[in-house]
Protein backbone atom coordinates (compact mmCIF):
# COMPACT_ATOMS: atom_id res chain seq x y z
CA MET A 1 -21.69 321.78 129.57
CA THR A 2 -20.64 318.79 127.47
CA VAL A 3 -23.33 316.59 125.99
CA ILE A 4 -22.33 312.98 125.73
CA ASP A 5 -24.38 310.40 123.69
CA ILE A 6 -24.06 307.16 125.53
CA PRO A 7 -24.61 303.88 123.60
CA GLY A 8 -27.71 301.84 124.23
CA SER A 9 -28.10 299.83 127.47
CA LYS A 10 -26.57 296.40 127.38
CA SER A 11 -29.15 295.11 129.92
CA VAL A 12 -32.16 296.44 127.96
CA THR A 13 -30.78 295.29 124.59
CA ALA A 14 -30.27 291.72 125.82
CA ARG A 15 -33.77 291.49 127.35
CA ALA A 16 -35.29 293.04 124.22
CA LEU A 17 -33.55 290.44 121.99
CA PHE A 18 -35.02 287.62 124.16
CA LEU A 19 -38.52 289.11 124.15
CA ALA A 20 -38.45 289.92 120.47
CA ALA A 21 -37.34 286.33 119.59
CA ALA A 22 -40.20 284.91 121.73
CA ALA A 23 -42.90 287.26 120.38
CA GLU A 24 -45.56 286.85 117.74
CA GLY A 25 -44.52 289.09 114.80
CA THR A 26 -41.53 291.20 113.82
CA THR A 27 -39.99 293.45 116.45
CA THR A 28 -37.84 296.49 115.72
CA LEU A 29 -35.29 297.54 118.27
CA LEU A 30 -34.32 301.17 117.88
CA ARG A 31 -30.74 302.28 118.81
CA PRO A 32 -29.65 298.93 120.28
CA LEU A 33 -26.23 298.56 121.77
CA VAL A 34 -23.70 297.31 119.27
CA SER A 35 -20.98 295.62 121.23
CA ASP A 36 -19.35 292.18 121.64
CA ASP A 37 -21.97 291.13 124.19
CA THR A 38 -25.06 292.11 122.16
CA GLU A 39 -23.60 290.92 118.88
CA GLY A 40 -22.88 287.55 120.60
CA PHE A 41 -26.44 287.42 121.71
CA ALA A 42 -27.72 288.14 118.18
CA GLU A 43 -25.33 285.60 116.76
CA GLY A 44 -26.67 283.05 119.23
CA LEU A 45 -30.22 283.70 118.20
CA GLY A 46 -29.15 283.15 114.62
CA ALA A 47 -27.60 279.82 115.56
CA LEU A 48 -30.93 278.83 117.14
CA GLY A 49 -32.81 279.61 113.91
CA TYR A 50 -34.20 283.04 114.66
CA SER A 51 -33.98 285.82 111.99
CA VAL A 52 -32.10 288.90 113.11
CA ARG A 53 -31.67 291.64 110.46
CA ARG A 54 -29.36 294.42 111.51
CA GLU A 55 -29.07 297.86 110.01
CA PRO A 56 -27.57 301.09 111.48
CA GLY A 57 -29.78 302.27 114.38
CA ALA A 58 -32.28 299.37 114.13
CA TRP A 59 -32.38 295.63 114.49
CA HIS A 60 -35.41 293.66 113.23
CA ILE A 61 -36.23 290.29 114.82
CA GLU A 62 -38.74 287.84 113.52
CA GLY A 63 -40.30 286.16 116.57
CA ARG A 64 -40.90 282.43 116.99
CA PRO A 65 -43.27 281.85 119.87
CA ALA A 66 -42.95 278.07 119.49
CA GLY A 67 -39.21 278.21 120.07
CA PRO A 68 -35.97 277.86 118.07
CA GLY A 69 -36.28 277.42 114.27
CA THR A 70 -33.95 274.37 114.44
CA THR A 71 -33.94 271.23 116.47
CA ASP A 72 -30.19 271.03 116.78
CA ALA A 73 -27.72 273.78 117.44
CA ASP A 74 -24.35 274.79 118.94
CA VAL A 75 -24.20 278.20 120.45
CA TYR A 76 -21.09 280.06 121.60
CA CYS A 77 -21.93 282.67 124.20
CA ARG A 78 -18.58 284.48 124.18
CA ASP A 79 -18.12 286.53 127.45
CA GLY A 80 -21.78 287.48 127.74
CA ALA A 81 -23.50 286.58 131.01
CA THR A 82 -26.94 287.55 129.65
CA THR A 83 -26.26 285.45 126.50
CA ALA A 84 -25.02 282.50 128.58
CA ARG A 85 -28.00 282.62 130.94
CA PHE A 86 -30.87 283.87 128.80
CA LEU A 87 -30.39 281.78 125.60
CA PRO A 88 -30.46 278.33 127.25
CA THR A 89 -33.64 279.41 129.05
CA LEU A 90 -35.20 280.59 125.77
CA ALA A 91 -34.19 277.36 124.04
CA ALA A 92 -35.81 275.27 126.81
CA ALA A 93 -39.26 276.53 125.63
CA GLY A 94 -38.75 274.92 122.18
CA ARG A 95 -37.98 271.44 121.03
CA GLY A 96 -34.59 269.95 120.15
CA THR A 97 -31.11 269.58 121.37
CA PHE A 98 -29.16 272.76 122.03
CA ARG A 99 -25.50 272.91 123.15
CA PHE A 100 -24.02 276.01 124.73
CA ASP A 101 -20.45 276.96 125.54
CA ALA A 102 -18.64 280.21 126.45
CA SER A 103 -15.27 281.85 126.97
CA ALA A 104 -12.93 280.77 129.77
CA GLN A 105 -13.99 283.89 131.68
CA MET A 106 -17.75 283.03 131.35
CA ARG A 107 -17.11 279.40 132.10
CA ARG A 108 -15.89 280.52 135.54
CA ARG A 109 -19.02 282.43 136.30
CA PRO A 110 -21.82 280.54 138.05
CA LEU A 111 -25.30 279.65 136.83
CA GLY A 112 -26.10 276.86 139.26
CA PRO A 113 -29.34 278.30 140.72
CA LEU A 114 -30.74 278.85 137.24
CA SER A 115 -29.76 275.27 136.16
CA THR A 116 -31.40 273.85 139.29
CA ALA A 117 -34.63 275.86 138.65
CA LEU A 118 -34.84 274.71 135.06
CA ARG A 119 -34.42 271.12 136.09
CA GLU A 120 -37.16 271.52 138.77
CA LEU A 121 -39.39 272.61 135.84
CA GLY A 122 -38.67 269.39 134.08
CA VAL A 123 -36.00 270.69 131.62
CA ASP A 124 -33.42 268.13 130.65
CA LEU A 125 -30.32 270.19 131.25
CA ARG A 126 -26.83 268.64 131.53
CA HIS A 127 -23.52 270.36 132.30
CA GLY A 128 -20.57 269.04 130.35
CA GLU A 129 -17.75 269.58 132.90
CA ARG A 130 -18.51 271.38 136.22
CA ASP A 131 -22.04 271.34 137.47
CA GLY A 132 -23.50 274.90 137.45
CA HIS A 133 -21.13 276.16 134.79
CA HIS A 134 -20.81 276.18 131.00
CA PRO A 135 -20.64 274.17 128.79
CA LEU A 136 -24.17 272.76 128.92
CA ALA A 137 -26.77 271.02 126.80
CA VAL A 138 -30.52 271.54 126.88
CA HIS A 139 -32.67 268.68 125.55
CA ALA A 140 -35.85 270.69 125.10
CA ALA A 141 -39.43 269.54 124.97
CA GLY A 142 -41.31 272.68 126.08
CA VAL A 143 -41.94 273.77 129.66
CA LYS A 144 -45.15 273.08 131.53
CA GLY A 145 -44.61 275.63 134.26
CA GLY A 146 -45.61 275.54 137.87
CA ALA A 147 -44.17 276.82 141.16
CA LEU A 148 -40.51 277.00 142.25
CA THR A 149 -38.23 278.62 144.77
CA LEU A 150 -35.13 280.53 143.67
CA ASP A 151 -32.09 282.00 145.37
CA ALA A 152 -31.15 285.08 143.33
CA GLY A 153 -28.73 286.44 145.83
CA GLN A 154 -25.77 285.87 143.57
CA SER A 155 -27.28 287.31 140.38
CA SER A 156 -30.65 288.84 139.49
CA GLN A 157 -30.18 287.39 136.00
CA TYR A 158 -31.34 283.98 137.24
CA LEU A 159 -34.68 285.52 138.17
CA THR A 160 -34.87 287.57 134.96
CA ALA A 161 -34.30 284.54 132.76
CA LEU A 162 -37.10 282.58 134.50
CA LEU A 163 -39.46 285.51 134.47
CA MET A 164 -39.08 285.96 130.75
CA LEU A 165 -39.60 282.18 130.30
CA GLY A 166 -42.93 282.32 132.14
CA PRO A 167 -45.23 283.55 129.29
CA LEU A 168 -43.77 280.77 127.08
CA THR A 169 -44.84 277.95 129.49
CA ALA A 170 -48.04 275.99 129.19
CA GLU A 171 -49.33 276.95 132.67
CA GLY A 172 -47.32 279.95 133.74
CA LEU A 173 -44.83 280.31 136.56
CA ASP A 174 -44.91 281.16 140.32
CA ILE A 175 -41.40 282.10 141.47
CA THR A 176 -40.77 282.64 145.14
CA VAL A 177 -37.41 284.32 145.77
CA THR A 178 -35.50 283.63 148.98
CA ASP A 179 -32.79 286.29 148.28
CA LEU A 180 -32.34 288.89 145.54
CA VAL A 181 -29.50 291.17 144.54
CA SER A 182 -29.64 294.09 142.08
CA GLU A 183 -33.45 294.28 142.30
CA PRO A 184 -33.70 297.32 140.00
CA TYR A 185 -32.60 295.02 137.10
CA VAL A 186 -35.65 292.85 137.80
CA GLU A 187 -37.83 295.94 137.62
CA ILE A 188 -36.39 296.53 134.13
CA THR A 189 -37.39 292.96 133.25
CA LEU A 190 -40.94 293.37 134.47
CA ALA A 191 -41.51 296.72 132.71
CA MET A 192 -40.16 295.31 129.41
CA MET A 193 -42.19 292.07 129.69
CA ARG A 194 -45.33 294.16 130.02
CA SER A 195 -44.33 296.23 127.03
CA PHE A 196 -44.32 292.94 124.98
CA GLY A 197 -47.76 291.96 126.28
CA ALA A 198 -46.93 289.77 129.35
CA GLU A 199 -49.02 289.71 132.51
CA VAL A 200 -46.83 289.51 135.56
CA THR A 201 -47.53 290.45 139.21
CA ARG A 202 -45.63 290.41 142.44
CA GLU A 203 -47.00 289.51 145.88
CA GLY A 204 -44.36 289.84 148.57
CA ARG A 205 -41.49 287.53 147.44
CA THR A 206 -43.54 285.70 144.85
CA TYR A 207 -43.71 286.61 141.14
CA ARG A 208 -46.66 285.28 139.15
CA VAL A 209 -46.34 285.07 135.39
CA ALA A 210 -49.28 284.17 133.25
CA PRO A 211 -48.91 282.00 130.05
CA THR A 212 -49.80 284.81 127.69
CA GLY A 213 -46.91 284.66 125.19
CA TYR A 214 -45.53 287.93 123.80
CA ARG A 215 -46.52 290.37 121.12
CA ALA A 216 -43.98 292.11 118.87
CA ALA A 217 -43.28 295.78 119.51
CA ARG A 218 -41.29 298.74 118.18
CA TYR A 219 -38.94 299.20 121.08
CA PRO A 220 -36.46 302.08 121.72
CA ILE A 221 -33.36 301.23 123.74
CA GLU A 222 -32.39 303.82 126.31
CA PRO A 223 -28.70 304.80 126.88
CA ASP A 224 -26.68 302.58 129.27
CA ALA A 225 -26.76 304.04 132.72
CA SER A 226 -23.79 301.95 133.94
CA THR A 227 -21.67 303.34 131.05
CA ALA A 228 -22.89 306.87 131.83
CA SER A 229 -21.51 306.51 135.33
CA TYR A 230 -17.94 307.05 134.14
CA PHE A 231 -18.79 310.31 132.54
CA PHE A 232 -20.85 311.42 135.51
CA ALA A 233 -17.95 310.56 137.79
CA ALA A 234 -15.51 312.52 135.63
CA ALA A 235 -17.90 315.47 135.69
CA ALA A 236 -17.98 315.39 139.50
CA LEU A 237 -14.14 315.32 139.72
CA GLU A 238 -12.98 318.88 138.85
CA PRO A 239 -14.40 322.44 139.09
CA GLY A 240 -15.72 323.63 135.79
CA ARG A 241 -16.36 320.15 134.61
CA ALA A 242 -19.95 319.29 133.64
CA VAL A 243 -21.75 316.72 131.54
CA THR A 244 -25.33 316.06 130.32
CA VAL A 245 -26.47 312.66 129.14
CA PRO A 246 -29.65 312.91 127.00
CA GLY A 247 -32.12 310.03 127.06
CA LEU A 248 -31.63 309.12 130.69
CA GLY A 249 -34.09 311.05 132.82
CA THR A 250 -36.79 310.60 135.46
CA GLY A 251 -38.56 307.82 133.48
CA ALA A 252 -35.41 305.79 132.90
CA LEU A 253 -35.77 302.01 133.40
CA GLN A 254 -32.31 301.47 134.79
CA GLY A 255 -31.55 301.57 138.46
CA ASP A 256 -27.87 302.39 137.90
CA LEU A 257 -28.92 305.92 137.22
CA ALA A 258 -29.14 306.18 141.04
CA PHE A 259 -25.30 306.49 140.93
CA VAL A 260 -25.88 310.23 140.48
CA ASP A 261 -27.58 310.25 143.89
CA VAL A 262 -24.26 308.98 145.35
CA LEU A 263 -22.44 311.80 143.58
CA ARG A 264 -24.95 314.30 144.95
CA ARG A 265 -24.21 313.07 148.45
CA MET A 266 -20.52 313.54 147.80
CA GLY A 267 -21.15 317.18 146.82
CA ALA A 268 -21.73 317.23 143.11
CA GLU A 269 -24.58 319.26 141.50
CA VAL A 270 -27.10 316.87 139.93
CA GLU A 271 -30.15 317.63 137.80
CA VAL A 272 -32.48 314.94 136.54
CA THR A 273 -35.18 316.07 134.08
CA PRO A 274 -37.67 313.93 132.12
CA ASP A 275 -35.22 313.88 129.20
CA ALA A 276 -31.69 314.02 130.59
CA THR A 277 -29.37 313.89 133.54
CA SER A 278 -26.62 316.50 134.23
CA VAL A 279 -23.80 316.42 136.75
CA ARG A 280 -21.45 319.35 137.58
CA SER A 281 -18.57 319.53 139.97
CA THR A 282 -18.69 321.95 142.90
CA GLY A 283 -14.98 321.36 143.71
CA THR A 284 -15.87 319.22 146.69
CA LEU A 285 -16.01 315.49 146.98
CA ARG A 286 -16.97 314.25 150.45
CA GLY A 287 -16.33 310.81 151.85
CA LEU A 288 -19.32 308.65 152.68
CA THR A 289 -20.58 305.19 153.48
CA VAL A 290 -22.99 303.84 150.86
CA ASN A 291 -24.86 300.59 150.28
CA MET A 292 -24.53 299.70 146.60
CA ARG A 293 -26.35 296.30 146.56
CA ASP A 294 -28.82 297.52 143.96
CA ILE A 295 -26.33 299.43 141.81
CA SER A 296 -23.29 297.19 142.17
CA ASP A 297 -22.11 297.53 138.59
CA THR A 298 -21.20 301.10 139.45
CA MET A 299 -19.09 300.03 142.51
CA PRO A 300 -15.85 300.20 140.51
CA THR A 301 -16.72 303.73 139.25
CA LEU A 302 -17.03 305.00 142.81
CA ALA A 303 -13.97 303.06 143.95
CA ALA A 304 -11.85 304.69 141.18
CA LEU A 305 -13.18 308.17 142.14
CA ALA A 306 -12.94 307.63 145.91
CA PRO A 307 -9.27 308.59 146.54
CA PHE A 308 -10.16 312.18 145.59
CA ALA A 309 -12.74 312.52 148.28
CA ASP A 310 -11.93 314.43 151.51
CA GLY A 311 -12.69 311.38 153.74
CA PRO A 312 -12.91 307.59 153.51
CA VAL A 313 -15.36 306.09 151.06
CA ARG A 314 -16.84 302.80 152.26
CA ILE A 315 -18.96 300.75 149.85
CA GLU A 316 -21.04 298.02 151.46
CA ASP A 317 -23.22 294.97 150.52
CA VAL A 318 -21.51 294.24 147.14
CA ALA A 319 -20.50 290.57 147.62
CA ASN A 320 -21.97 289.76 144.18
CA THR A 321 -19.25 291.85 142.50
CA ARG A 322 -16.84 289.01 143.35
CA VAL A 323 -18.51 286.76 140.73
CA LYS A 324 -18.66 289.24 137.80
CA GLU A 325 -16.16 289.21 134.93
CA CYS A 326 -13.55 289.18 137.66
CA ASP A 327 -13.51 289.64 141.44
CA ARG A 328 -14.16 293.33 141.24
CA LEU A 329 -13.60 294.02 144.96
CA ASP A 330 -10.16 292.57 144.84
CA ALA A 331 -9.39 294.06 141.43
CA CYS A 332 -10.28 297.60 142.64
CA ALA A 333 -8.26 297.17 145.82
CA GLU A 334 -5.24 295.74 143.89
CA ASN A 335 -5.13 298.59 141.47
CA LEU A 336 -5.68 301.34 143.97
CA ARG A 337 -2.78 299.98 146.03
CA ARG A 338 -0.64 300.01 142.92
CA LEU A 339 -1.34 303.75 142.83
CA GLY A 340 -0.38 304.19 146.46
CA VAL A 341 -3.90 304.42 147.85
CA THR A 342 -4.77 302.85 151.23
CA VAL A 343 -7.55 300.36 150.85
CA GLU A 344 -9.29 297.80 153.12
CA THR A 345 -11.69 295.07 151.98
CA GLY A 346 -13.99 292.43 153.49
CA PRO A 347 -16.33 289.74 152.15
CA ASP A 348 -18.82 292.33 150.86
CA TRP A 349 -17.25 295.72 151.35
CA ILE A 350 -14.39 298.02 150.37
CA GLU A 351 -13.08 301.13 152.10
CA ILE A 352 -10.83 303.58 150.25
CA HIS A 353 -8.91 306.29 152.10
CA PRO A 354 -8.17 309.72 150.71
CA GLY A 355 -4.83 310.11 148.91
CA THR A 356 -3.38 311.27 145.66
CA PRO A 357 -2.98 308.37 143.27
CA ALA A 358 0.52 308.27 141.84
CA GLY A 359 1.64 306.95 138.42
CA PRO A 360 3.09 305.60 136.42
CA ALA A 361 1.19 302.30 136.93
CA GLU A 362 -0.33 299.66 134.71
CA ILE A 363 -3.86 298.76 135.72
CA ALA A 364 -4.51 294.99 135.86
CA THR A 365 -7.87 294.78 134.11
CA HIS A 366 -8.45 291.03 134.46
CA GLY A 367 -10.23 291.27 131.10
CA ASP A 368 -13.07 293.29 132.76
CA HIS A 369 -14.47 296.23 130.76
CA ARG A 370 -15.69 297.97 133.93
CA ILE A 371 -12.23 297.99 135.55
CA VAL A 372 -10.80 299.76 132.48
CA MET A 373 -13.57 302.38 132.21
CA SER A 374 -13.54 303.06 135.93
CA PHE A 375 -9.85 303.64 136.17
CA ALA A 376 -10.02 305.92 133.16
CA VAL A 377 -11.72 308.34 135.60
CA THR A 378 -8.70 308.05 137.92
CA ALA A 379 -6.38 308.59 135.02
CA LEU A 380 -7.93 312.07 134.42
CA ARG A 381 -5.97 313.20 137.50
CA THR A 382 -3.13 310.66 137.49
CA PRO A 383 -0.55 310.82 134.68
CA GLY A 384 1.04 307.57 133.64
CA ILE A 385 -1.91 305.18 134.03
CA THR A 386 -1.99 302.44 131.34
CA PHE A 387 -4.03 299.27 130.99
CA ASP A 388 -2.84 295.69 130.33
CA ASP A 389 -5.90 295.01 128.19
CA PRO A 390 -7.51 298.26 127.09
CA GLY A 391 -9.43 296.54 124.33
CA CYS A 392 -11.70 294.57 126.63
CA VAL A 393 -14.10 297.57 126.61
CA LYS A 394 -15.44 296.06 123.34
CA LYS A 395 -17.77 294.04 125.59
CA THR A 396 -20.05 297.04 126.07
CA PHE A 397 -18.52 300.23 124.54
CA PRO A 398 -16.01 299.59 121.75
CA ASP A 399 -15.50 303.31 121.14
CA PHE A 400 -14.96 304.13 124.84
CA HIS A 401 -11.36 305.27 124.66
CA ARG A 402 -11.95 307.71 121.85
CA VAL A 403 -15.07 309.15 123.41
CA PHE A 404 -13.73 309.39 126.97
CA GLY A 405 -10.30 310.65 125.78
CA GLY A 406 -12.05 313.51 123.97
CA PHE A 407 -14.38 314.22 126.92
CA GLY A 408 -11.58 315.18 129.32
CA PRO A 409 -10.12 318.24 127.66
CA ILE A 410 -13.47 319.37 126.25
CA ALA A 411 -15.03 319.36 129.72
CA ARG A 412 -12.14 321.30 131.25
CA THR A 413 -12.71 324.20 128.86
CA ALA A 414 -16.50 324.23 129.33
């Protein structure tokens, strides 16, 4: 059994940075993820006048409940969707003029429903080029609050940003959601808000957030469940291969840990304890049809593993993966076909047929960290796989290639 220490969760780290910045007092984040996305978020907080002191294993953030510590700032959000969506929302609660821009990749990704919602709340938000995309400027004068309706069918981050804004408003927020994707990520948000002193309830499709503000906390960041999926998939692939990830157990916040339930359905042995999750291969991988709407970040992991199953693997209800760092449905299909695998796709589904992937082949990553890490699983059984942009893993796991490269041979001898 190989024990793998997975870096901290990107989703939890980003939310914790927002909540810490908004809280009364100094928050310490323990074992935060250190990656391009989270460093970009911390850098953005610094540009907005928040104090972020970083040391190995701990980040200390001095909260500013009244909003940014400056009245004029330019913030570059890099490739980070959480940075690009959360920071303008945080800035709206303060006072001043705050300009945001992002990489070409992030400029392509939508945030229209969030922009519309903020405008409905009275925020003066203006897009510089295309409406609903970066760059944008927020002319902030605080947020009164009130009721609004939101379509979060494209990204749950729209809802998360508004929920976290709620305690900073004068009157609180009532948010009625017409559609919602990746709901477990919203559950992460609610649990974390409560850890920082917020009062939030849900009645049907309506979330009610009281104007309580936040209190600083000492907050541990759990390992990233989406990143763990590549190691779990590798463990399911060959007899004798096994892996344990400590820190992800029955009490984990992240819904993406449910990926191991998919592996269990395919035939892997899975054990989830309060403190860890373990996956072991039984030598069998069965085909299946699975709805991955709530764990869509792990769709590429399953797609890259799917050719080794004994029957077709059909992944459904993942339309939102088309507006991630790249169109992940098409990217997975394109790369599997390069390897000689038969693949069919539709608007919100992909079906992969059994077959032995054949190299050599260069994987087209489209600058997407999850495409690289997913097809690293395929490469365990397919000599000759290379990547056109292996370094894009810096977004969430800069040390991925070293850790995963060492995992393969270690696990085979376990």
